[in-house]
PDB file of N, CA and C in Angstrom:
ATOM      1  N   MET A   1      17.799 -14.937 -34.186  1.00  0.00           N
ATOM      2  CA  MET A   1      16.306 -15.024 -34.381  1.00  0.00           C
ATOM      3  C   MET A   1      15.835 -14.362 -36.005  1.00  0.00           C
ATOM      4  N   GLY A   2      15.046 -14.686 -36.654  1.00  0.00           N
ATOM      5  CA  GLY A   2      14.798 -14.466 -37.737  1.00  0.00           C
ATOM      6  C   GLY A   2      14.109 -12.953 -37.696  1.00  0.00           C
ATOM      7  N   MET A   3      13.897 -12.602 -38.549  1.00  0.00           N
ATOM      8  CA  MET A   3      13.164 -10.689 -39.063  1.00  0.00           C
ATOM      9  C   MET A   3      11.715 -11.342 -38.446  1.00  0.00           C
ATOM     10  N   ASP A   4      11.337 -12.213 -39.157  1.00  0.00           N
ATOM     11  CA  ASP A   4       9.661 -12.688 -38.908  1.00  0.00           C
ATOM     12  C   ASP A   4       9.329 -13.298 -37.511  1.00  0.00           C
ATOM     13  N   GLY A   5      10.358 -13.540 -36.508  1.00  0.00           N
ATOM     14  CA  GLY A   5      10.363 -13.397 -35.112  1.00  0.00           C
ATOM     15  C   GLY A   5      11.399 -15.127 -34.775  1.00  0.00           C
ATOM     16  N   THR A   6      10.865 -15.510 -35.500  1.00  0.00           N
ATOM     17  CA  THR A   6      11.316 -17.313 -35.544  1.00  0.00           C
ATOM     18  C   THR A   6      12.591 -17.146 -35.605  1.00  0.00           C
ATOM     19  N   ASP A   7      12.504 -18.423 -34.555  1.00  0.00           N
ATOM     20  CA  ASP A   7      14.012 -18.651 -33.990  1.00  0.00           C
ATOM     21  C   ASP A   7      14.761 -19.592 -35.138  1.00  0.00           C
ATOM     22  N   LYS A   8      16.242 -18.776 -35.035  1.00  0.00           N
ATOM     23  CA  LYS A   8      17.021 -19.900 -36.069  1.00  0.00           C
ATOM     24  C   LYS A   8      18.270 -20.545 -35.666  1.00  0.00           C
ATOM     25  N   TYR A   9      17.409 -22.791 -35.653  1.00  0.00           N
ATOM     26  CA  TYR A   9      18.044 -22.992 -35.214  1.00  0.00           C
ATOM     27  C   TYR A   9      20.107 -23.153 -35.198  1.00  0.00           C
ATOM     28  N   HIS A  10      20.567 -22.494 -35.350  1.00  0.00           N
ATOM     29  CA  HIS A  10      22.081 -22.118 -35.777  1.00  0.00           C
ATOM     30  C   HIS A  10      23.241 -21.341 -35.250  1.00  0.00           C
ATOM     31  N   ILE A  11      24.236 -22.450 -34.606  1.00  0.00           N
ATOM     32  CA  ILE A  11      25.081 -22.246 -34.157  1.00  0.00           C
ATOM     33  C   ILE A  11      26.380 -21.002 -34.554  1.00  0.00           C
ATOM     34  N   LEU A  12      27.463 -20.092 -33.340  1.00  0.00           N
ATOM     35  CA  LEU A  12      28.705 -19.934 -34.559  1.00  0.00           C
ATOM     36  C   LEU A  12      29.887 -20.436 -33.315  1.00  0.00           C
ATOM     37  N   ILE A  13      30.547 -20.805 -34.697  1.00  0.00           N
ATOM     38  CA  ILE A  13      31.954 -21.477 -33.208  1.00  0.00           C
ATOM     39  C   ILE A  13      33.331 -20.898 -34.104  1.00  0.00           C
ATOM     40  N   ALA A  14      34.111 -21.004 -33.036  1.00  0.00           N
ATOM     41  CA  ALA A  14      35.138 -20.142 -33.825  1.00  0.00           C
ATOM     42  C   ALA A  14      36.128 -20.911 -33.012  1.00  0.00           C
ATOM     43  N   GLY A  15      37.306 -20.810 -33.319  1.00  0.00           N
ATOM     44  CA  GLY A  15      38.574 -20.604 -32.163  1.00  0.00           C
ATOM     45  C   GLY A  15      40.120 -21.288 -33.556  1.00  0.00           C
ATOM     46  N   GLY A  16      40.978 -21.927 -33.457  1.00  0.00           N
ATOM     47  CA  GLY A  16      42.130 -22.143 -34.498  1.00  0.00           C
ATOM     48  C   GLY A  16      43.325 -22.657 -33.508  1.00  0.00           C
ATOM     49  N   GLN A  17      44.198 -22.769 -34.417  1.00  0.00           N
ATOM     50  CA  GLN A  17      45.123 -23.226 -33.907  1.00  0.00           C
ATOM     51  C   GLN A  17      46.023 -22.337 -32.921  1.00  0.00           C
ATOM     52  N   ASP A  18      47.043 -22.387 -31.621  1.00  0.00           N
ATOM     53  CA  ASP A  18      47.546 -22.176 -30.697  1.00  0.00           C
ATOM     54  C   ASP A  18      48.089 -21.128 -32.512  1.00  0.00           C
ATOM     55  N   ALA A  19      48.425 -19.586 -32.079  1.00  0.00           N
ATOM     56  CA  ALA A  19      49.701 -19.111 -32.824  1.00  0.00           C
ATOM     57  C   ALA A  19      50.405 -18.943 -33.158  1.00  0.00           C
ATOM     58  N   LYS A  20      51.246 -18.961 -32.218  1.00  0.00           N
ATOM     59  CA  LYS A  20      52.940 -18.946 -31.803  1.00  0.00           C
ATOM     60  C   LYS A  20      53.079 -20.887 -32.768  1.00  0.00           C
ATOM     61  N   GLU A  21      52.314 -21.631 -33.279  1.00  0.00           N
ATOM     62  CA  GLU A  21      52.753 -22.943 -34.251  1.00  0.00           C
ATOM     63  C   GLU A  21      52.241 -23.104 -35.375  1.00  0.00           C
ATOM     64  N   VAL A  22      52.212 -21.489 -36.182  1.00  0.00           N
ATOM     65  CA  VAL A  22      51.592 -21.163 -36.811  1.00  0.00           C
ATOM     66  C   VAL A  22      52.920 -20.102 -37.283  1.00  0.00           C
ATOM     67  N   THR A  23      53.362 -21.790 -38.170  1.00  0.00           N
ATOM     68  CA  THR A  23      54.732 -21.525 -39.084  1.00  0.00           C
ATOM     69  C   THR A  23      54.546 -20.176 -40.922  1.00  0.00           C
ATOM     70  N   THR A  24      53.314 -20.417 -40.446  1.00  0.00           N
ATOM     71  CA  THR A  24      52.765 -19.486 -42.522  1.00  0.00           C
ATOM     72  C   THR A  24      51.495 -18.284 -41.709  1.00  0.00           C
ATOM     73  N   THR A  25      51.401 -17.034 -42.822  1.00  0.00           N
ATOM     74  CA  THR A  25      50.658 -16.207 -42.436  1.00  0.00           C
ATOM     75  C   THR A  25      49.823 -16.652 -43.315  1.00  0.00           C
ATOM     76  N   LYS A  26      49.223 -17.375 -44.352  1.00  0.00           N
ATOM     77  CA  LYS A  26      48.132 -17.430 -44.344  1.00  0.00           C
ATOM     78  C   LYS A  26      46.731 -17.976 -43.189  1.00  0.00           C
ATOM     79  N   GLU A  27      45.753 -17.058 -43.161  1.00  0.00           N
ATOM     80  CA  GLU A  27      45.207 -16.841 -42.737  1.00  0.00           C
ATOM     81  C   GLU A  27      44.268 -18.365 -42.665  1.00  0.00           C
ATOM     82  N   GLN A  28      44.289 -19.059 -44.291  1.00  0.00           N
ATOM     83  CA  GLN A  28      43.336 -20.698 -43.769  1.00  0.00           C
ATOM     84  C   GLN A  28      44.342 -21.317 -42.729  1.00  0.00           C
ATOM     85  N   GLU A  29      45.472 -21.659 -43.072  1.00  0.00           N
ATOM     86  CA  GLU A  29      46.326 -21.960 -41.906  1.00  0.00           C
ATOM     87  C   GLU A  29      46.018 -22.570 -40.990  1.00  0.00           C
ATOM     88  N   GLY A  30      45.925 -21.708 -40.231  1.00  0.00           N
ATOM     89  CA  GLY A  30      45.196 -21.569 -38.498  1.00  0.00           C
ATOM     90  C   GLY A  30      44.437 -22.194 -37.922  1.00  0.00           C
ATOM     91  N   SER A  31      43.479 -22.404 -39.445  1.00  0.00           N
ATOM     92  CA  SER A  31      41.770 -22.349 -38.761  1.00  0.00           C
ATOM     93  C   SER A  31      40.823 -21.290 -38.334  1.00  0.00           C
ATOM     94  N   PHE A  32      41.640 -19.484 -38.560  1.00  0.00           N
ATOM     95  CA  PHE A  32      41.418 -18.639 -37.404  1.00  0.00           C
ATOM     96  C   PHE A  32      39.038 -17.989 -37.826  1.00  0.00           C
ATOM     97  N   GLU A  33      38.964 -18.881 -38.708  1.00  0.00           N
ATOM     98  CA  GLU A  33      37.455 -18.661 -38.902  1.00  0.00           C
ATOM     99  C   GLU A  33      36.795 -18.694 -38.064  1.00  0.00           C
ATOM    100  N   THR A  34      35.400 -17.831 -38.858  1.00  0.00           N
ATOM    101  CA  THR A  34      34.519 -18.319 -37.761  1.00  0.00           C
ATOM    102  C   THR A  34      33.365 -18.918 -38.554  1.00  0.00           C
ATOM    103  N   ARG A  35      32.636 -20.071 -38.147  1.00  0.00           N
ATOM    104  CA  ARG A  35      32.012 -21.064 -38.815  1.00  0.00           C
ATOM    105  C   ARG A  35      30.333 -21.042 -38.203  1.00  0.00           C
ATOM    106  N   LEU A  36      29.229 -20.691 -39.346  1.00  0.00           N
ATOM    107  CA  LEU A  36      28.570 -20.711 -38.547  1.00  0.00           C
ATOM    108  C   LEU A  36      27.573 -22.481 -39.059  1.00  0.00           C
ATOM    109  N   TYR A  37      27.069 -22.814 -38.109  1.00  0.00           N
ATOM    110  CA  TYR A  37      26.051 -24.549 -38.429  1.00  0.00           C
ATOM    111  C   TYR A  37      24.589 -24.770 -37.881  1.00  0.00           C
ATOM    112  N   HIS A  38      24.066 -25.271 -38.929  1.00  0.00           N
ATOM    113  CA  HIS A  38      22.833 -25.675 -38.605  1.00  0.00           C
ATOM    114  C   HIS A  38      22.851 -26.741 -36.938  1.00  0.00           C
ATOM    115  N   ILE A  39      21.658 -26.547 -36.381  1.00  0.00           N
ATOM    116  CA  ILE A  39      22.283 -27.447 -35.003  1.00  0.00           C
ATOM    117  C   ILE A  39      21.062 -28.180 -35.313  1.00  0.00           C
ATOM    118  N   ILE A  40      20.326 -28.494 -35.556  1.00  0.00           N
ATOM    119  CA  ILE A  40      19.440 -29.329 -36.486  1.00  0.00           C
ATOM    120  C   ILE A  40      19.985 -31.079 -37.042  1.00  0.00           C
ATOM    121  N   PHE A  41      20.540 -29.920 -38.469  1.00  0.00           N
ATOM    122  CA  PHE A  41      20.869 -30.889 -39.473  1.00  0.00           C
ATOM    123  C   PHE A  41      22.278 -31.395 -39.478  1.00  0.00           C
ATOM    124  N   GLU A  42      23.045 -30.639 -38.254  1.00  0.00           N
ATOM    125  CA  GLU A  42      24.229 -30.500 -38.715  1.00  0.00           C
ATOM    126  C   GLU A  42      25.432 -30.299 -39.196  1.00  0.00           C
ATOM    127  N   GLU A  43      24.986 -29.528 -39.843  1.00  0.00           N
ATOM    128  CA  GLU A  43      25.898 -29.012 -41.913  1.00  0.00           C
ATOM    129  C   GLU A  43      26.035 -27.465 -41.584  1.00  0.00           C
ATOM    130  N   GLU A  44      27.407 -26.835 -41.767  1.00  0.00           N
ATOM    131  CA  GLU A  44      27.910 -25.858 -42.182  1.00  0.00           C
ATOM    132  C   GLU A  44      27.509 -24.779 -43.014  1.00  0.00           C
ATOM    133  N   ILE A  45      26.966 -24.015 -42.581  1.00  0.00           N
ATOM    134  CA  ILE A  45      26.407 -22.834 -43.356  1.00  0.00           C
ATOM    135  C   ILE A  45      27.227 -21.567 -43.854  1.00  0.00           C
ATOM    136  N   ALA A  46      27.781 -21.584 -43.497  1.00  0.00           N
ATOM    137  CA  ALA A  46      29.174 -20.643 -43.403  1.00  0.00           C
ATOM    138  C   ALA A  46      30.758 -20.589 -42.775  1.00  0.00           C
ATOM    139  N   GLN A  47      30.928 -20.391 -43.766  1.00  0.00           N
ATOM    140  CA  GLN A  47      32.413 -19.460 -42.934  1.00  0.00           C
ATOM    141  C   GLN A  47      33.178 -18.300 -42.973  1.00  0.00           C
ATOM    142  N   ILE A  48      33.203 -17.734 -41.921  1.00  0.00           N
ATOM    143  CA  ILE A  48      33.476 -16.137 -41.748  1.00  0.00           C
ATOM    144  C   ILE A  48      34.945 -15.776 -41.988  1.00  0.00           C
ATOM    145  N   LYS A  49      36.102 -15.134 -42.380  1.00  0.00           N
ATOM    146  CA  LYS A  49      37.228 -15.196 -42.422  1.00  0.00           C
ATOM    147  C   LYS A  49      37.620 -13.719 -42.276  1.00  0.00           C
ATOM    148  N   GLY A  50      38.736 -13.559 -41.462  1.00  0.00           N
ATOM    149  CA  GLY A  50      39.052 -12.066 -41.951  1.00  0.00           C
ATOM    150  C   GLY A  50      39.971 -11.811 -40.219  1.00  0.00           C
ATOM    151  N   HIS A  51      40.125 -12.693 -39.201  1.00  0.00           N
ATOM    152  CA  HIS A  51      41.363 -13.074 -38.039  1.00  0.00           C
ATOM    153  C   HIS A  51      42.492 -13.812 -38.275  1.00  0.00           C
ATOM    154  N   PHE A  52      44.227 -13.484 -38.200  1.00  0.00           N
ATOM    155  CA  PHE A  52      44.864 -14.219 -38.314  1.00  0.00           C
ATOM    156  C   PHE A  52      45.687 -14.458 -36.878  1.00  0.00           C
ATOM    157  N   GLY A  53      44.989 -15.467 -35.821  1.00  0.00           N
ATOM    158  CA  GLY A  53      44.964 -15.193 -34.689  1.00  0.00           C
ATOM    159  C   GLY A  53      43.904 -16.361 -34.232  1.00  0.00           C
ATOM    160  N   PRO A  54      43.772 -17.026 -33.081  1.00  0.00           N
ATOM    161  CA  PRO A  54      42.721 -17.252 -32.751  1.00  0.00           C
ATOM    162  C   PRO A  54      41.633 -16.622 -32.493  1.00  0.00           C
ATOM    163  N   VAL A  55      40.791 -17.109 -32.477  1.00  0.00           N
ATOM    164  CA  VAL A  55      39.348 -15.868 -32.471  1.00  0.00           C
ATOM    165  C   VAL A  55      39.195 -16.840 -31.031  1.00  0.00           C
ATOM    166  N   HIS A  56      38.761 -15.179 -29.216  1.00  0.00           N
ATOM    167  CA  HIS A  56      38.984 -15.918 -28.247  1.00  0.00           C
ATOM    168  C   HIS A  56      37.653 -15.294 -27.857  1.00  0.00           C
ATOM    169  N   SER A  57      36.763 -14.587 -29.037  1.00  0.00           N
ATOM    170  CA  SER A  57      35.569 -14.296 -27.783  1.00  0.00           C
ATOM    171  C   SER A  57      34.361 -14.262 -29.287  1.00  0.00           C
ATOM    172  N   ILE A  58      33.214 -14.200 -28.834  1.00  0.00           N
ATOM    173  CA  ILE A  58      31.988 -14.193 -30.201  1.00  0.00           C
ATOM    174  C   ILE A  58      31.275 -13.317 -29.306  1.00  0.00           C
ATOM    175  N   GLN A  59      30.057 -12.447 -30.112  1.00  0.00           N
ATOM    176  CA  GLN A  59      29.092 -12.165 -29.349  1.00  0.00           C
ATOM    177  C   GLN A  59      28.466 -12.091 -30.060  1.00  0.00           C
ATOM    178  N   VAL A  60      27.248 -12.024 -29.835  1.00  0.00           N
ATOM    179  CA  VAL A  60      26.227 -11.665 -31.240  1.00  0.00           C
ATOM    180  C   VAL A  60      25.355 -10.498 -30.585  1.00  0.00           C
ATOM    181  N   CYS A  61      24.839  -9.640 -31.382  1.00  0.00           N
ATOM    182  CA  CYS A  61      24.878  -8.422 -31.126  1.00  0.00           C
ATOM    183  C   CYS A  61      23.677  -7.970 -30.679  1.00  0.00           C
ATOM    184  N   PRO A  62      23.022  -7.276 -30.293  1.00  0.00           N
ATOM    185  CA  PRO A  62      21.546  -7.265 -29.227  1.00  0.00           C
ATOM    186  C   PRO A  62      20.131  -6.844 -30.142  1.00  0.00           C
ATOM    187  N   ASP A  63      20.875  -6.986 -31.015  1.00  0.00           N
ATOM    188  CA  ASP A  63      19.232  -7.476 -32.569  1.00  0.00           C
ATOM    189  C   ASP A  63      19.080  -7.672 -33.177  1.00  0.00           C
ATOM    190  N   GLY A  64      19.895  -9.012 -33.098  1.00  0.00           N
ATOM    191  CA  GLY A  64      20.463 -10.265 -33.668  1.00  0.00           C
ATOM    192  C   GLY A  64      21.051 -10.469 -35.643  1.00  0.00           C
ATOM    193  N   ARG A  65      20.963  -9.348 -34.851  1.00  0.00           N
ATOM    194  CA  ARG A  65      21.585  -9.121 -37.308  1.00  0.00           C
ATOM    195  C   ARG A  65      22.700  -9.221 -37.266  1.00  0.00           C
ATOM    196  N   GLY A  66      23.547  -9.636 -36.143  1.00  0.00           N
ATOM    197  CA  GLY A  66      25.292  -9.559 -36.330  1.00  0.00           C
ATOM    198  C   GLY A  66      26.138 -10.037 -35.025  1.00  0.00           C
ATOM    199  N   PHE A  67      27.812 -10.165 -35.178  1.00  0.00           N
ATOM    200  CA  PHE A  67      28.034 -10.711 -34.198  1.00  0.00           C
ATOM    201  C   PHE A  67      29.748  -9.897 -34.548  1.00  0.00           C
ATOM    202  N   VAL A  68      29.915 -10.058 -33.012  1.00  0.00           N
ATOM    203  CA  VAL A  68      31.100  -9.217 -32.783  1.00  0.00           C
ATOM    204  C   VAL A  68      32.555 -10.619 -32.555  1.00  0.00           C
ATOM    205  N   THR A  69      33.820 -10.443 -32.925  1.00  0.00           N
ATOM    206  CA  THR A  69      34.583 -11.799 -32.455  1.00  0.00           C
ATOM    207  C   THR A  69      35.541 -10.886 -32.361  1.00  0.00           C
ATOM    208  N   THR A  70      36.686 -11.138 -31.320  1.00  0.00           N
ATOM    209  CA  THR A  70      37.890 -11.010 -31.025  1.00  0.00           C
ATOM    210  C   THR A  70      39.052 -11.513 -31.053  1.00  0.00           C
ATOM    211  N   SER A  71      40.054 -10.893 -31.644  1.00  0.00           N
ATOM    212  CA  SER A  71      41.062 -12.524 -31.547  1.00  0.00           C
ATOM    213  C   SER A  71      42.554 -11.926 -30.918  1.00  0.00           C
ATOM    214  N   GLU A  72      43.377 -13.393 -31.057  1.00  0.00           N
ATOM    215  CA  GLU A  72      44.514 -12.853 -30.621  1.00  0.00           C
ATOM    216  C   GLU A  72      45.176 -12.335 -31.038  1.00  0.00           C
ATOM    217  N   ASP A  73      44.963 -11.689 -32.393  1.00  0.00           N
ATOM    218  CA  ASP A  73      45.453 -10.303 -32.964  1.00  0.00           C
ATOM    219  C   ASP A  73      45.425  -9.563 -32.905  1.00  0.00           C
ATOM    220  N   GLY A  74      44.737  -9.403 -32.040  1.00  0.00           N
ATOM    221  CA  GLY A  74      44.510  -8.428 -31.616  1.00  0.00           C
ATOM    222  C   GLY A  74      43.272  -6.906 -32.569  1.00  0.00           C
ATOM    223  N   THR A  75      42.324  -7.821 -32.808  1.00  0.00           N
ATOM    224  CA  THR A  75      41.412  -6.862 -33.728  1.00  0.00           C
ATOM    225  C   THR A  75      40.275  -7.587 -33.295  1.00  0.00           C
ATOM    226  N   VAL A  76      38.562  -6.502 -33.865  1.00  0.00           N
ATOM    227  CA  VAL A  76      37.812  -6.598 -33.089  1.00  0.00           C
ATOM    228  C   VAL A  76      36.681  -6.749 -34.437  1.00  0.00           C
ATOM    229  N   ARG A  77      36.169  -7.908 -34.888  1.00  0.00           N
ATOM    230  CA  ARG A  77      35.677  -7.340 -36.253  1.00  0.00           C
ATOM    231  C   ARG A  77      34.063  -7.916 -35.873  1.00  0.00           C
ATOM    232  N   LEU A  78      33.077  -6.499 -36.398  1.00  0.00           N
ATOM    233  CA  LEU A  78      31.953  -7.007 -36.623  1.00  0.00           C
ATOM    234  C   LEU A  78      31.537  -7.126 -37.372  1.00  0.00           C
ATOM    235  N   GLN A  79      30.993  -8.631 -37.555  1.00  0.00           N
ATOM    236  CA  GLN A  79      30.336  -9.276 -38.869  1.00  0.00           C
ATOM    237  C   GLN A  79      28.375  -9.077 -38.580  1.00  0.00           C
ATOM    238  N   ARG A  80      28.028  -8.572 -40.103  1.00  0.00           N
ATOM    239  CA  ARG A  80      26.399  -7.946 -40.288  1.00  0.00           C
ATOM    240  C   ARG A  80      25.722  -9.610 -41.709  1.00  0.00           C
ATOM    241  N   PHE A  81      24.565 -10.264 -40.245  1.00  0.00           N
ATOM    242  CA  PHE A  81      24.314 -11.686 -41.283  1.00  0.00           C
ATOM    243  C   PHE A  81      23.856 -10.781 -42.527  1.00  0.00           C
ATOM    244  N   PRO A  82      23.663 -11.376 -44.148  1.00  0.00           N
ATOM    245  CA  PRO A  82      23.300 -10.916 -44.866  1.00  0.00           C
ATOM    246  C   PRO A  82      21.969 -10.468 -44.805  1.00  0.00           C
ATOM    247  N   LEU A  83      21.170  -9.591 -45.211  1.00  0.00           N
ATOM    248  CA  LEU A  83      19.471  -9.490 -45.398  1.00  0.00           C
ATOM    249  C   LEU A  83      18.787 -10.702 -45.508  1.00  0.00           C
ATOM    250  N   ASP A  84      19.254 -11.447 -47.010  1.00  0.00           N
ATOM    251  CA  ASP A  84      18.219 -12.903 -47.017  1.00  0.00           C
ATOM    252  C   ASP A  84      18.642 -13.602 -46.135  1.00  0.00           C
ATOM    253  N   TYR A  85      19.488 -13.800 -45.234  1.00  0.00           N
ATOM    254  CA  TYR A  85      19.597 -14.580 -44.356  1.00  0.00           C
ATOM    255  C   TYR A  85      18.495 -14.187 -42.705  1.00  0.00           C
ATOM    256  N   MET A  86      18.729 -12.960 -42.800  1.00  0.00           N
ATOM    257  CA  MET A  86      18.243 -12.655 -41.876  1.00  0.00           C
ATOM    258  C   MET A  86      16.208 -12.655 -41.875  1.00  0.00           C
ATOM    259  N   GLU A  87      15.900 -12.761 -43.339  1.00  0.00           N
ATOM    260  CA  GLU A  87      14.564 -12.916 -43.925  1.00  0.00           C
ATOM    261  C   GLU A  87      14.640 -14.779 -44.465  1.00  0.00           C
ATOM    262  N   ALA A  88      14.840 -15.082 -43.835  1.00  0.00           N
ATOM    263  CA  ALA A  88      14.574 -16.486 -44.550  1.00  0.00           C
ATOM    264  C   ALA A  88      14.518 -17.587 -42.822  1.00  0.00           C
TER     265      ALA A  88
END
């Protein structure tokens, strides 16, 4: 939901290939990014990188201004949506 109270028709998707099958340390090789899509227009809005292993979970923050991801690489990442995204 945006700061103005309107719903956002967006979805977060993540995953990646099995970490044991990745033969390189480049994060782009395993597709370990989280992607933000517009549900209605089926368009990718953003890719959020940072994990070096498959993403296991995504949880939207209670205030709706960000999300947390956990990964097989043992990390937890807190991502905040940019203010212009929240105001749009």
